Amino acid sequence: LDALVAELGIEKSYFIRLFKKRVGVSPMKYAMHLKMSAAADLLR
């Protein structure tokens, strides 16, 4: 996340607010969902 906001040239808190507004969850929760979805695929 730090590298992403540095590349975008915006504040981390601003990015998190925008991401949550657009996606509906925080970047951390979104990343965790992706990890768990991948794990579910591997387990199945």
PDB file of all heavy atoms in Angstrom:
ATOM      1  N   LEU A   1       0.825  -1.204   0.000  1.00  0.00           N
ATOM      2  CA  LEU A   1       0.000   0.000   0.000  1.00  0.00           C
ATOM      3  C   LEU A   1       0.859   1.255   0.000  1.00  0.00           C
ATOM      4  O   LEU A   1       0.571   2.205  -0.732  1.00  0.00           O
ATOM      5  CB  LEU A   1      -0.947  -0.025   1.204  1.00  0.00           C
ATOM      6  CG  LEU A   1      -1.979   1.085   1.289  1.00  0.00           C
ATOM      7  CD1 LEU A   1      -2.846   1.126   0.042  1.00  0.00           C
ATOM      8  CD2 LEU A   1      -2.838   0.907   2.518  1.00  0.00           C
ATOM      9  N   ASP A   2       1.929   1.252   0.781  1.00  0.00           N
ATOM     10  CA  ASP A   2       2.810   2.425   0.826  1.00  0.00           C
ATOM     11  C   ASP A   2       3.416   2.717  -0.548  1.00  0.00           C
ATOM     12  O   ASP A   2       3.500   3.865  -0.971  1.00  0.00           O
ATOM     13  CB  ASP A   2       3.923   2.225   1.853  1.00  0.00           C
ATOM     14  CG  ASP A   2       3.411   2.225   3.280  1.00  0.00           C
ATOM     15  OD1 ASP A   2       2.335   2.814   3.523  1.00  0.00           O
ATOM     16  OD2 ASP A   2       4.072   1.640   4.152  1.00  0.00           O
ATOM     17  N   ALA A   3       3.818   1.668  -1.249  1.00  0.00           N
ATOM     18  CA  ALA A   3       4.398   1.857  -2.583  1.00  0.00           C
ATOM     19  C   ALA A   3       3.340   2.350  -3.569  1.00  0.00           C
ATOM     20  O   ALA A   3       3.632   3.196  -4.422  1.00  0.00           O
ATOM     21  CB  ALA A   3       5.012   0.551  -3.074  1.00  0.00           C
ATOM     22  N   LEU A   4       2.138   1.836  -3.444  1.00  0.00           N
ATOM     23  CA  LEU A   4       1.064   2.235  -4.350  1.00  0.00           C
ATOM     24  C   LEU A   4       0.724   3.716  -4.185  1.00  0.00           C
ATOM     25  O   LEU A   4       0.650   4.449  -5.170  1.00  0.00           O
ATOM     26  CB  LEU A   4      -0.177   1.379  -4.106  1.00  0.00           C
ATOM     27  CG  LEU A   4      -1.392   1.685  -4.966  1.00  0.00           C
ATOM     28  CD1 LEU A   4      -1.091   1.489  -6.442  1.00  0.00           C
ATOM     29  CD2 LEU A   4      -2.558   0.807  -4.546  1.00  0.00           C
ATOM     30  N   VAL A   5       0.542   4.169  -2.951  1.00  0.00           N
ATOM     31  CA  VAL A   5       0.184   5.576  -2.749  1.00  0.00           C
ATOM     32  C   VAL A   5       1.345   6.496  -3.119  1.00  0.00           C
ATOM     33  O   VAL A   5       1.122   7.599  -3.594  1.00  0.00           O
ATOM     34  CB  VAL A   5      -0.347   5.866  -1.322  1.00  0.00           C
ATOM     35  CG1 VAL A   5      -1.634   5.117  -1.071  1.00  0.00           C
ATOM     36  CG2 VAL A   5       0.675   5.546  -0.253  1.00  0.00           C
ATOM     37  N   ALA A   6       2.577   6.024  -2.917  1.00  0.00           N
ATOM     38  CA  ALA A   6       3.731   6.830  -3.331  1.00  0.00           C
ATOM     39  C   ALA A   6       3.739   6.984  -4.850  1.00  0.00           C
ATOM     40  O   ALA A   6       3.990   8.073  -5.373  1.00  0.00           O
ATOM     41  CB  ALA A   6       5.027   6.183  -2.850  1.00  0.00           C
ATOM     42  N   GLU A   7       3.452   5.904  -5.562  1.00  0.00           N
ATOM     43  CA  GLU A   7       3.408   5.952  -7.027  1.00  0.00           C
ATOM     44  C   GLU A   7       2.281   6.867  -7.510  1.00  0.00           C
ATOM     45  O   GLU A   7       2.431   7.587  -8.488  1.00  0.00           O
ATOM     46  CB  GLU A   7       3.214   4.536  -7.582  1.00  0.00           C
ATOM     47  CG  GLU A   7       3.229   4.446  -9.076  1.00  0.00           C
ATOM     48  CD  GLU A   7       4.596   4.699  -9.690  1.00  0.00           C
ATOM     49  OE1 GLU A   7       5.628   4.480  -9.036  1.00  0.00           O
ATOM     50  OE2 GLU A   7       4.626   5.132 -10.858  1.00  0.00           O
ATOM     51  N   LEU A   8       1.146   6.820  -6.810  1.00  0.00           N
ATOM     52  CA  LEU A   8       0.011   7.659  -7.179  1.00  0.00           C
ATOM     53  C   LEU A   8       0.194   9.110  -6.750  1.00  0.00           C
ATOM     54  O   LEU A   8      -0.476  10.003  -7.272  1.00  0.00           O
ATOM     55  CB  LEU A   8      -1.279   7.114  -6.566  1.00  0.00           C
ATOM     56  CG  LEU A   8      -1.741   5.747  -7.074  1.00  0.00           C
ATOM     57  CD1 LEU A   8      -2.902   5.237  -6.241  1.00  0.00           C
ATOM     58  CD2 LEU A   8      -2.121   5.827  -8.539  1.00  0.00           C
ATOM     59  N   GLY A   9       1.057   9.322  -5.760  1.00  0.00           N
ATOM     60  CA  GLY A   9       1.300  10.675  -5.273  1.00  0.00           C
ATOM     61  C   GLY A   9       0.182  11.209  -4.399  1.00  0.00           C
ATOM     62  O   GLY A   9      -0.081  12.415  -4.403  1.00  0.00           O
ATOM     63  N   ILE A  10      -0.482  10.317  -3.671  1.00  0.00           N
ATOM     64  CA  ILE A  10      -1.564  10.748  -2.769  1.00  0.00           C
ATOM     65  C   ILE A  10      -1.301  10.217  -1.367  1.00  0.00           C
ATOM     66  O   ILE A  10      -0.467   9.333  -1.172  1.00  0.00           O
ATOM     67  CB  ILE A  10      -2.952  10.265  -3.270  1.00  0.00           C
ATOM     68  CG1 ILE A  10      -3.032   8.748  -3.341  1.00  0.00           C
ATOM     69  CG2 ILE A  10      -3.282  10.891  -4.618  1.00  0.00           C
ATOM     70  CD1 ILE A  10      -4.399   8.197  -3.718  1.00  0.00           C
ATOM     71  N   GLU A  11      -2.014  10.766  -0.417  1.00  0.00           N
ATOM     72  CA  GLU A  11      -1.891  10.329   0.972  1.00  0.00           C
ATOM     73  C   GLU A  11      -2.549   8.972   1.156  1.00  0.00           C
ATOM     74  O   GLU A  11      -3.567   8.661   0.527  1.00  0.00           O
ATOM     75  CB  GLU A  11      -2.565  11.337   1.910  1.00  0.00           C
ATOM     76  CG  GLU A  11      -1.895  12.688   1.952  1.00  0.00           C
ATOM     77  CD  GLU A  11      -0.534  12.629   2.607  1.00  0.00           C
ATOM     78  OE1 GLU A  11      -0.357  11.861   3.582  1.00  0.00           O
ATOM     79  OE2 GLU A  11       0.361  13.358   2.144  1.00  0.00           O
ATOM     80  N   LYS A  12      -1.966   8.157   2.037  1.00  0.00           N
ATOM     81  CA  LYS A  12      -2.500   6.820   2.290  1.00  0.00           C
ATOM     82  C   LYS A  12      -3.944   6.883   2.792  1.00  0.00           C
ATOM     83  O   LYS A  12      -4.799   6.126   2.321  1.00  0.00           O
ATOM     84  CB  LYS A  12      -1.642   6.083   3.308  1.00  0.00           C
ATOM     85  CG  LYS A  12      -2.086   4.640   3.499  1.00  0.00           C
ATOM     86  CD  LYS A  12      -1.498   3.941   4.707  1.00  0.00           C
ATOM     87  CE  LYS A  12      -0.050   3.662   4.617  1.00  0.00           C
ATOM     88  NZ  LYS A  12       0.441   2.773   5.692  1.00  0.00           N
ATOM     89  N   SER A  13      -4.227   7.778   3.721  1.00  0.00           N
ATOM     90  CA  SER A  13      -5.588   7.863   4.281  1.00  0.00           C
ATOM     91  C   SER A  13      -6.604   8.253   3.209  1.00  0.00           C
ATOM     92  O   SER A  13      -7.735   7.754   3.192  1.00  0.00           O
ATOM     93  CB  SER A  13      -5.636   8.841   5.446  1.00  0.00           C
ATOM     94  OG  SER A  13      -5.224  10.126   5.029  1.00  0.00           O
ATOM     95  N   TYR A  14      -6.200   9.102   2.287  1.00  0.00           N
ATOM     96  CA  TYR A  14      -7.081   9.503   1.192  1.00  0.00           C
ATOM     97  C   TYR A  14      -7.373   8.312   0.276  1.00  0.00           C
ATOM     98  O   TYR A  14      -8.506   8.066  -0.113  1.00  0.00           O
ATOM     99  CB  TYR A  14      -6.442  10.651   0.409  1.00  0.00           C
ATOM    100  CG  TYR A  14      -7.271  11.139  -0.756  1.00  0.00           C
ATOM    101  CD1 TYR A  14      -8.512  11.736  -0.557  1.00  0.00           C
ATOM    102  CD2 TYR A  14      -6.811  10.999  -2.062  1.00  0.00           C
ATOM    103  CE1 TYR A  14      -9.271  12.179  -1.634  1.00  0.00           C
ATOM    104  CE2 TYR A  14      -7.552  11.438  -3.139  1.00  0.00           C
ATOM    105  CZ  TYR A  14      -8.790  12.032  -2.914  1.00  0.00           C
ATOM    106  OH  TYR A  14      -9.551  12.469  -3.978  1.00  0.00           O
ATOM    107  N   PHE A  15      -6.316   7.562  -0.063  1.00  0.00           N
ATOM    108  CA  PHE A  15      -6.502   6.376  -0.899  1.00  0.00           C
ATOM    109  C   PHE A  15      -7.440   5.377  -0.227  1.00  0.00           C
ATOM    110  O   PHE A  15      -8.327   4.811  -0.874  1.00  0.00           O
ATOM    111  CB  PHE A  15      -5.158   5.708  -1.200  1.00  0.00           C
ATOM    112  CG  PHE A  15      -5.322   4.418  -1.942  1.00  0.00           C
ATOM    113  CD1 PHE A  15      -5.536   4.412  -3.306  1.00  0.00           C
ATOM    114  CD2 PHE A  15      -5.280   3.203  -1.273  1.00  0.00           C
ATOM    115  CE1 PHE A  15      -5.705   3.224  -4.005  1.00  0.00           C
ATOM    116  CE2 PHE A  15      -5.449   2.014  -1.957  1.00  0.00           C
ATOM    117  CZ  PHE A  15      -5.662   2.018  -3.323  1.00  0.00           C
ATOM    118  N   ILE A  16      -7.241   5.133   1.059  1.00  0.00           N
ATOM    119  CA  ILE A  16      -8.078   4.170   1.784  1.00  0.00           C
ATOM    120  C   ILE A  16      -9.540   4.610   1.748  1.00  0.00           C
ATOM    121  O   ILE A  16     -10.437   3.790   1.510  1.00  0.00           O
ATOM    122  CB  ILE A  16      -7.565   3.973   3.228  1.00  0.00           C
ATOM    123  CG1 ILE A  16      -6.215   3.239   3.187  1.00  0.00           C
ATOM    124  CG2 ILE A  16      -8.575   3.208   4.073  1.00  0.00           C
ATOM    125  CD1 ILE A  16      -5.501   3.197   4.524  1.00  0.00           C
ATOM    126  N   ARG A  17      -9.791   5.901   1.958  1.00  0.00           N
ATOM    127  CA  ARG A  17     -11.171   6.399   1.901  1.00  0.00           C
ATOM    128  C   ARG A  17     -11.766   6.212   0.509  1.00  0.00           C
ATOM    129  O   ARG A  17     -12.908   5.770   0.362  1.00  0.00           O
ATOM    130  CB  ARG A  17     -11.227   7.879   2.304  1.00  0.00           C
ATOM    131  CG  ARG A  17     -11.162   8.111   3.784  1.00  0.00           C
ATOM    132  CD  ARG A  17     -11.566   9.527   4.170  1.00  0.00           C
ATOM    133  NE  ARG A  17     -10.907  10.588   3.416  1.00  0.00           N
ATOM    134  CZ  ARG A  17      -9.724  11.116   3.722  1.00  0.00           C
ATOM    135  NH1 ARG A  17      -9.061  10.683   4.768  1.00  0.00           N
ATOM    136  NH2 ARG A  17      -9.221  12.089   2.982  1.00  0.00           N
ATOM    137  N   LEU A  18     -11.004   6.560  -0.528  1.00  0.00           N
ATOM    138  CA  LEU A  18     -11.488   6.384  -1.902  1.00  0.00           C
ATOM    139  C   LEU A  18     -11.750   4.920  -2.221  1.00  0.00           C
ATOM    140  O   LEU A  18     -12.770   4.577  -2.825  1.00  0.00           O
ATOM    141  CB  LEU A  18     -10.478   6.946  -2.903  1.00  0.00           C
ATOM    142  CG  LEU A  18     -10.343   8.443  -3.001  1.00  0.00           C
ATOM    143  CD1 LEU A  18      -9.244   8.801  -3.999  1.00  0.00           C
ATOM    144  CD2 LEU A  18     -11.651   9.083  -3.410  1.00  0.00           C
ATOM    145  N   PHE A  19     -10.829   4.061  -1.826  1.00  0.00           N
ATOM    146  CA  PHE A  19     -10.966   2.633  -2.095  1.00  0.00           C
ATOM    147  C   PHE A  19     -12.223   2.090  -1.421  1.00  0.00           C
ATOM    148  O   PHE A  19     -13.015   1.382  -2.041  1.00  0.00           O
ATOM    149  CB  PHE A  19      -9.728   1.884  -1.586  1.00  0.00           C
ATOM    150  CG  PHE A  19      -9.688   0.438  -1.989  1.00  0.00           C
ATOM    151  CD1 PHE A  19      -9.002   0.045  -3.126  1.00  0.00           C
ATOM    152  CD2 PHE A  19     -10.324  -0.542  -1.236  1.00  0.00           C
ATOM    153  CE1 PHE A  19      -8.953  -1.281  -3.505  1.00  0.00           C
ATOM    154  CE2 PHE A  19     -10.290  -1.868  -1.607  1.00  0.00           C
ATOM    155  CZ  PHE A  19      -9.594  -2.247  -2.749  1.00  0.00           C
ATOM    156  N   LYS A  20     -12.392   2.431  -0.153  1.00  0.00           N
ATOM    157  CA  LYS A  20     -13.556   1.934   0.594  1.00  0.00           C
ATOM    158  C   LYS A  20     -14.854   2.455  -0.009  1.00  0.00           C
ATOM    159  O   LYS A  20     -15.843   1.719  -0.113  1.00  0.00           O
ATOM    160  CB  LYS A  20     -13.448   2.318   2.061  1.00  0.00           C
ATOM    161  CG  LYS A  20     -14.488   1.640   2.920  1.00  0.00           C
ATOM    162  CD  LYS A  20     -14.217   1.836   4.391  1.00  0.00           C
ATOM    163  CE  LYS A  20     -15.234   1.060   5.194  1.00  0.00           C
ATOM    164  NZ  LYS A  20     -14.998   1.178   6.616  1.00  0.00           N
ATOM    165  N   LYS A  21     -14.851   3.706  -0.444  1.00  0.00           N
ATOM    166  CA  LYS A  21     -16.052   4.276  -1.057  1.00  0.00           C
ATOM    167  C   LYS A  21     -16.381   3.549  -2.361  1.00  0.00           C
ATOM    168  O   LYS A  21     -17.534   3.252  -2.645  1.00  0.00           O
ATOM    169  CB  LYS A  21     -15.851   5.764  -1.310  1.00  0.00           C
ATOM    170  CG  LYS A  21     -17.062   6.457  -1.867  1.00  0.00           C
ATOM    171  CD  LYS A  21     -16.817   7.952  -2.024  1.00  0.00           C
ATOM    172  CE  LYS A  21     -18.046   8.647  -2.562  1.00  0.00           C
ATOM    173  NZ  LYS A  21     -17.817  10.074  -2.745  1.00  0.00           N
ATOM    174  N   ARG A  22     -15.365   3.247  -3.137  1.00  0.00           N
ATOM    175  CA  ARG A  22     -15.569   2.625  -4.450  1.00  0.00           C
ATOM    176  C   ARG A  22     -15.864   1.123  -4.354  1.00  0.00           C
ATOM    177  O   ARG A  22     -16.751   0.609  -5.021  1.00  0.00           O
ATOM    178  CB  ARG A  22     -14.321   2.853  -5.299  1.00  0.00           C
ATOM    179  CG  ARG A  22     -14.357   2.231  -6.641  1.00  0.00           C
ATOM    180  CD  ARG A  22     -15.286   2.961  -7.541  1.00  0.00           C
ATOM    181  NE  ARG A  22     -15.204   2.359  -8.866  1.00  0.00           N
ATOM    182  CZ  ARG A  22     -16.061   2.589  -9.815  1.00  0.00           C
ATOM    183  NH1 ARG A  22     -17.037   3.427  -9.622  1.00  0.00           N
ATOM    184  NH2 ARG A  22     -15.932   2.012 -10.964  1.00  0.00           N
ATOM    185  N   VAL A  23     -15.102   0.405  -3.508  1.00  0.00           N
ATOM    186  CA  VAL A  23     -15.192  -1.053  -3.439  1.00  0.00           C
ATOM    187  C   VAL A  23     -16.147  -1.526  -2.349  1.00  0.00           C
ATOM    188  O   VAL A  23     -16.738  -2.593  -2.453  1.00  0.00           O
ATOM    189  CB  VAL A  23     -13.784  -1.667  -3.259  1.00  0.00           C
ATOM    190  CG1 VAL A  23     -13.821  -3.173  -3.157  1.00  0.00           C
ATOM    191  CG2 VAL A  23     -12.871  -1.236  -4.399  1.00  0.00           C
ATOM    192  N   GLY A  24     -16.283  -0.738  -1.298  1.00  0.00           N
ATOM    193  CA  GLY A  24     -17.192  -1.106  -0.212  1.00  0.00           C
ATOM    194  C   GLY A  24     -16.516  -1.656   1.021  1.00  0.00           C
ATOM    195  O   GLY A  24     -17.155  -1.801   2.059  1.00  0.00           O
ATOM    196  N   VAL A  25     -15.236  -1.992   0.902  1.00  0.00           N
ATOM    197  CA  VAL A  25     -14.460  -2.471   2.051  1.00  0.00           C
ATOM    198  C   VAL A  25     -13.072  -1.855   1.979  1.00  0.00           C
ATOM    199  O   VAL A  25     -12.651  -1.359   0.935  1.00  0.00           O
ATOM    200  CB  VAL A  25     -14.339  -4.016   2.077  1.00  0.00           C
ATOM    201  CG1 VAL A  25     -15.680  -4.682   2.294  1.00  0.00           C
ATOM    202  CG2 VAL A  25     -13.665  -4.547   0.832  1.00  0.00           C
ATOM    203  N   SER A  26     -12.356  -1.931   3.092  1.00  0.00           N
ATOM    204  CA  SER A  26     -10.995  -1.384   3.126  1.00  0.00           C
ATOM    205  C   SER A  26     -10.071  -2.231   2.254  1.00  0.00           C
ATOM    206  O   SER A  26     -10.362  -3.399   1.966  1.00  0.00           O
ATOM    207  CB  SER A  26     -10.479  -1.370   4.562  1.00  0.00           C
ATOM    208  OG  SER A  26     -10.237  -2.701   5.001  1.00  0.00           O
ATOM    209  N   PRO A  27      -8.941  -1.650   1.842  1.00  0.00           N
ATOM    210  CA  PRO A  27      -7.977  -2.434   1.056  1.00  0.00           C
ATOM    211  C   PRO A  27      -7.528  -3.703   1.786  1.00  0.00           C
ATOM    212  O   PRO A  27      -7.347  -4.751   1.164  1.00  0.00           O
ATOM    213  CB  PRO A  27      -6.807  -1.480   0.847  1.00  0.00           C
ATOM    214  CG  PRO A  27      -7.388  -0.113   0.989  1.00  0.00           C
ATOM    215  CD  PRO A  27      -8.505  -0.255   1.976  1.00  0.00           C
ATOM    216  N   MET A  28      -7.368  -3.630   3.104  1.00  0.00           N
ATOM    217  CA  MET A  28      -6.937  -4.797   3.889  1.00  0.00           C
ATOM    218  C   MET A  28      -7.986  -5.901   3.842  1.00  0.00           C
ATOM    219  O   MET A  28      -7.660  -7.076   3.647  1.00  0.00           O
ATOM    220  CB  MET A  28      -6.662  -4.375   5.335  1.00  0.00           C
ATOM    221  CG  MET A  28      -6.158  -5.489   6.173  1.00  0.00           C
ATOM    222  SD  MET A  28      -4.517  -5.945   5.650  1.00  0.00           S
ATOM    223  CE  MET A  28      -3.735  -6.188   7.181  1.00  0.00           C
ATOM    224  N   LYS A  29      -9.252  -5.536   4.011  1.00  0.00           N
ATOM    225  CA  LYS A  29     -10.307  -6.546   3.953  1.00  0.00           C
ATOM    226  C   LYS A  29     -10.440  -7.133   2.556  1.00  0.00           C
ATOM    227  O   LYS A  29     -10.680  -8.320   2.386  1.00  0.00           O
ATOM    228  CB  LYS A  29     -11.645  -5.970   4.407  1.00  0.00           C
ATOM    229  CG  LYS A  29     -11.730  -5.790   5.892  1.00  0.00           C
ATOM    230  CD  LYS A  29     -13.130  -5.454   6.326  1.00  0.00           C
ATOM    231  CE  LYS A  29     -13.148  -5.344   7.837  1.00  0.00           C
ATOM    232  NZ  LYS A  29     -14.499  -5.299   8.362  1.00  0.00           N
ATOM    233  N   TYR A  30     -10.253  -6.307   1.549  1.00  0.00           N
ATOM    234  CA  TYR A  30     -10.315  -6.785   0.171  1.00  0.00           C
ATOM    235  C   TYR A  30      -9.188  -7.782  -0.094  1.00  0.00           C
ATOM    236  O   TYR A  30      -9.409  -8.850  -0.669  1.00  0.00           O
ATOM    237  CB  TYR A  30     -10.233  -5.603  -0.790  1.00  0.00           C
ATOM    238  CG  TYR A  30     -10.377  -5.996  -2.235  1.00  0.00           C
ATOM    239  CD1 TYR A  30     -11.621  -6.324  -2.762  1.00  0.00           C
ATOM    240  CD2 TYR A  30      -9.269  -6.047  -3.064  1.00  0.00           C
ATOM    241  CE1 TYR A  30     -11.754  -6.689  -4.095  1.00  0.00           C
ATOM    242  CE2 TYR A  30      -9.399  -6.417  -4.397  1.00  0.00           C
ATOM    243  CZ  TYR A  30     -10.643  -6.729  -4.905  1.00  0.00           C
ATOM    244  OH  TYR A  30     -10.766  -7.105  -6.215  1.00  0.00           O
ATOM    245  N   ALA A  31      -7.985  -7.439   0.349  1.00  0.00           N
ATOM    246  CA  ALA A  31      -6.838  -8.334   0.172  1.00  0.00           C
ATOM    247  C   ALA A  31      -7.059  -9.649   0.911  1.00  0.00           C
ATOM    248  O   ALA A  31      -6.746 -10.727   0.388  1.00  0.00           O
ATOM    249  CB  ALA A  31      -5.556  -7.653   0.650  1.00  0.00           C
ATOM    250  N   MET A  32      -7.619  -9.587   2.115  1.00  0.00           N
ATOM    251  CA  MET A  32      -7.888 -10.807   2.879  1.00  0.00           C
ATOM    252  C   MET A  32      -8.924 -11.667   2.153  1.00  0.00           C
ATOM    253  O   MET A  32      -8.796 -12.889   2.094  1.00  0.00           O
ATOM    254  CB  MET A  32      -8.364 -10.472   4.291  1.00  0.00           C
ATOM    255  CG  MET A  32      -8.581 -11.700   5.159  1.00  0.00           C
ATOM    256  SD  MET A  32      -7.088 -12.686   5.437  1.00  0.00           S
ATOM    257  CE  MET A  32      -6.207 -11.654   6.569  1.00  0.00           C
ATOM    258  N   HIS A  33      -9.936 -11.035   1.572  1.00  0.00           N
ATOM    259  CA  HIS A  33     -10.937 -11.786   0.817  1.00  0.00           C
ATOM    260  C   HIS A  33     -10.290 -12.506  -0.375  1.00  0.00           C
ATOM    261  O   HIS A  33     -10.603 -13.673  -0.645  1.00  0.00           O
ATOM    262  CB  HIS A  33     -12.059 -10.864   0.337  1.00  0.00           C
ATOM    263  CG  HIS A  33     -13.035 -11.547  -0.559  1.00  0.00           C
ATOM    264  ND1 HIS A  33     -13.970 -12.436  -0.076  1.00  0.00           N
ATOM    265  CD2 HIS A  33     -13.196 -11.499  -1.901  1.00  0.00           C
ATOM    266  CE1 HIS A  33     -14.674 -12.911  -1.102  1.00  0.00           C
ATOM    267  NE2 HIS A  33     -14.219 -12.348  -2.210  1.00  0.00           N
ATOM    268  N   LEU A  34      -9.387 -11.835  -1.064  1.00  0.00           N
ATOM    269  CA  LEU A  34      -8.696 -12.470  -2.186  1.00  0.00           C
ATOM    270  C   LEU A  34      -7.864 -13.664  -1.726  1.00  0.00           C
ATOM    271  O   LEU A  34      -7.856 -14.718  -2.377  1.00  0.00           O
ATOM    272  CB  LEU A  34      -7.802 -11.458  -2.913  1.00  0.00           C
ATOM    273  CG  LEU A  34      -8.521 -10.334  -3.652  1.00  0.00           C
ATOM    274  CD1 LEU A  34      -7.499  -9.375  -4.256  1.00  0.00           C
ATOM    275  CD2 LEU A  34      -9.451 -10.871  -4.715  1.00  0.00           C
ATOM    276  N   LYS A  35      -7.171 -13.510  -0.593  1.00  0.00           N
ATOM    277  CA  LYS A  35      -6.380 -14.613  -0.041  1.00  0.00           C
ATOM    278  C   LYS A  35      -7.265 -15.798   0.315  1.00  0.00           C
ATOM    279  O   LYS A  35      -6.944 -16.948   0.005  1.00  0.00           O
ATOM    280  CB  LYS A  35      -5.637 -14.172   1.228  1.00  0.00           C
ATOM    281  CG  LYS A  35      -4.430 -13.356   1.028  1.00  0.00           C
ATOM    282  CD  LYS A  35      -3.856 -13.027   2.402  1.00  0.00           C
ATOM    283  CE  LYS A  35      -2.430 -12.624   2.339  1.00  0.00           C
ATOM    284  NZ  LYS A  35      -1.847 -12.446   3.678  1.00  0.00           N
ATOM    285  N   MET A  36      -8.378 -15.525   0.981  1.00  0.00           N
ATOM    286  CA  MET A  36      -9.255 -16.604   1.416  1.00  0.00           C
ATOM    287  C   MET A  36      -9.940 -17.280   0.230  1.00  0.00           C
ATOM    288  O   MET A  36     -10.130 -18.496   0.227  1.00  0.00           O
ATOM    289  CB  MET A  36     -10.295 -16.083   2.410  1.00  0.00           C
ATOM    290  CG  MET A  36      -9.714 -15.590   3.721  1.00  0.00           C
ATOM    291  SD  MET A  36      -8.885 -16.890   4.679  1.00  0.00           S
ATOM    292  CE  MET A  36      -7.184 -16.498   4.409  1.00  0.00           C
ATOM    293  N   SER A  37     -10.281 -16.511  -0.796  1.00  0.00           N
ATOM    294  CA  SER A  37     -10.865 -17.100  -2.006  1.00  0.00           C
ATOM    295  C   SER A  37      -9.861 -18.028  -2.687  1.00  0.00           C
ATOM    296  O   SER A  37     -10.219 -19.121  -3.137  1.00  0.00           O
ATOM    297  CB  SER A  37     -11.297 -16.013  -2.983  1.00  0.00           C
ATOM    298  OG  SER A  37     -12.358 -15.274  -2.462  1.00  0.00           O
ATOM    299  N   ALA A  38      -8.605 -17.597  -2.748  1.00  0.00           N
ATOM    300  CA  ALA A  38      -7.559 -18.440  -3.331  1.00  0.00           C
ATOM    301  C   ALA A  38      -7.364 -19.695  -2.490  1.00  0.00           C
ATOM    302  O   ALA A  38      -7.212 -20.798  -3.028  1.00  0.00           O
ATOM    303  CB  ALA A  38      -6.253 -17.658  -3.444  1.00  0.00           C
ATOM    304  N   ALA A  39      -7.390 -19.545  -1.176  1.00  0.00           N
ATOM    305  CA  ALA A  39      -7.244 -20.702  -0.289  1.00  0.00           C
ATOM    306  C   ALA A  39      -8.398 -21.682  -0.485  1.00  0.00           C
ATOM    307  O   ALA A  39      -8.188 -22.897  -0.529  1.00  0.00           O
ATOM    308  CB  ALA A  39      -7.179 -20.251   1.170  1.00  0.00           C
ATOM    309  N   ALA A  40      -9.603 -21.156  -0.620  1.00  0.00           N
ATOM    310  CA  ALA A  40     -10.767 -22.028  -0.835  1.00  0.00           C
ATOM    311  C   ALA A  40     -10.600 -22.824  -2.126  1.00  0.00           C
ATOM    312  O   ALA A  40     -10.887 -24.031  -2.168  1.00  0.00           O
ATOM    313  CB  ALA A  40     -12.046 -21.199  -0.871  1.00  0.00           C
ATOM    314  N   ASP A  41     -10.118 -22.185  -3.186  1.00  0.00           N
ATOM    315  CA  ASP A  41      -9.863 -22.883  -4.448  1.00  0.00           C
ATOM    316  C   ASP A  41      -8.832 -23.993  -4.258  1.00  0.00           C
ATOM    317  O   ASP A  41      -9.006 -25.105  -4.764  1.00  0.00           O
ATOM    318  CB  ASP A  41      -9.374 -21.919  -5.524  1.00  0.00           C
ATOM    319  CG  ASP A  41     -10.443 -20.970  -6.024  1.00  0.00           C
ATOM    320  OD1 ASP A  41     -11.641 -21.219  -5.769  1.00  0.00           O
ATOM    321  OD2 ASP A  41     -10.071 -19.968  -6.663  1.00  0.00           O
ATOM    322  N   LEU A  42      -7.763 -23.685  -3.546  1.00  0.00           N
ATOM    323  CA  LEU A  42      -6.716 -24.676  -3.308  1.00  0.00           C
ATOM    324  C   LEU A  42      -7.227 -25.845  -2.466  1.00  0.00           C
ATOM    325  O   LEU A  42      -6.877 -27.003  -2.714  1.00  0.00           O
ATOM    326  CB  LEU A  42      -5.511 -24.031  -2.623  1.00  0.00           C
ATOM    327  CG  LEU A  42      -4.700 -23.064  -3.476  1.00  0.00           C
ATOM    328  CD1 LEU A  42      -3.719 -22.276  -2.604  1.00  0.00           C
ATOM    329  CD2 LEU A  42      -3.955 -23.812  -4.563  1.00  0.00           C
ATOM    330  N   LEU A  43      -8.059 -25.540  -1.482  1.00  0.00           N
ATOM    331  CA  LEU A  43      -8.594 -26.596  -0.624  1.00  0.00           C
ATOM    332  C   LEU A  43      -9.561 -27.503  -1.384  1.00  0.00           C
ATOM    333  O   LEU A  43      -9.563 -28.716  -1.191  1.00  0.00           O
ATOM    334  CB  LEU A  43      -9.290 -25.987   0.602  1.00  0.00           C
ATOM    335  CG  LEU A  43      -8.370 -25.320   1.614  1.00  0.00           C
ATOM    336  CD1 LEU A  43      -9.181 -24.537   2.636  1.00  0.00           C
ATOM    337  CD2 LEU A  43      -7.480 -26.357   2.296  1.00  0.00           C
ATOM    338  N   ARG A  44     -10.365 -26.909  -2.249  1.00  0.00           N
ATOM    339  CA  ARG A  44     -11.319 -27.701  -3.035  1.00  0.00           C
ATOM    340  C   ARG A  44     -10.618 -28.579  -4.064  1.00  0.00           C
ATOM    341  O   ARG A  44     -11.042 -29.688  -4.322  1.00  0.00           O
ATOM    342  CB  ARG A  44     -12.301 -26.788  -3.763  1.00  0.00           C
ATOM    343  CG  ARG A  44     -13.484 -26.371  -2.972  1.00  0.00           C
ATOM    344  CD  ARG A  44     -14.549 -25.734  -3.847  1.00  0.00           C
ATOM    345  NE  ARG A  44     -14.073 -24.570  -4.585  1.00  0.00           N
ATOM    346  CZ  ARG A  44     -14.120 -23.322  -4.142  1.00  0.00           C
ATOM    347  NH1 ARG A  44     -14.634 -23.063  -2.964  1.00  0.00           N
ATOM    348  NH2 ARG A  44     -13.672 -22.329  -4.878  1.00  0.00           N
TER     349      ARG A  44
END
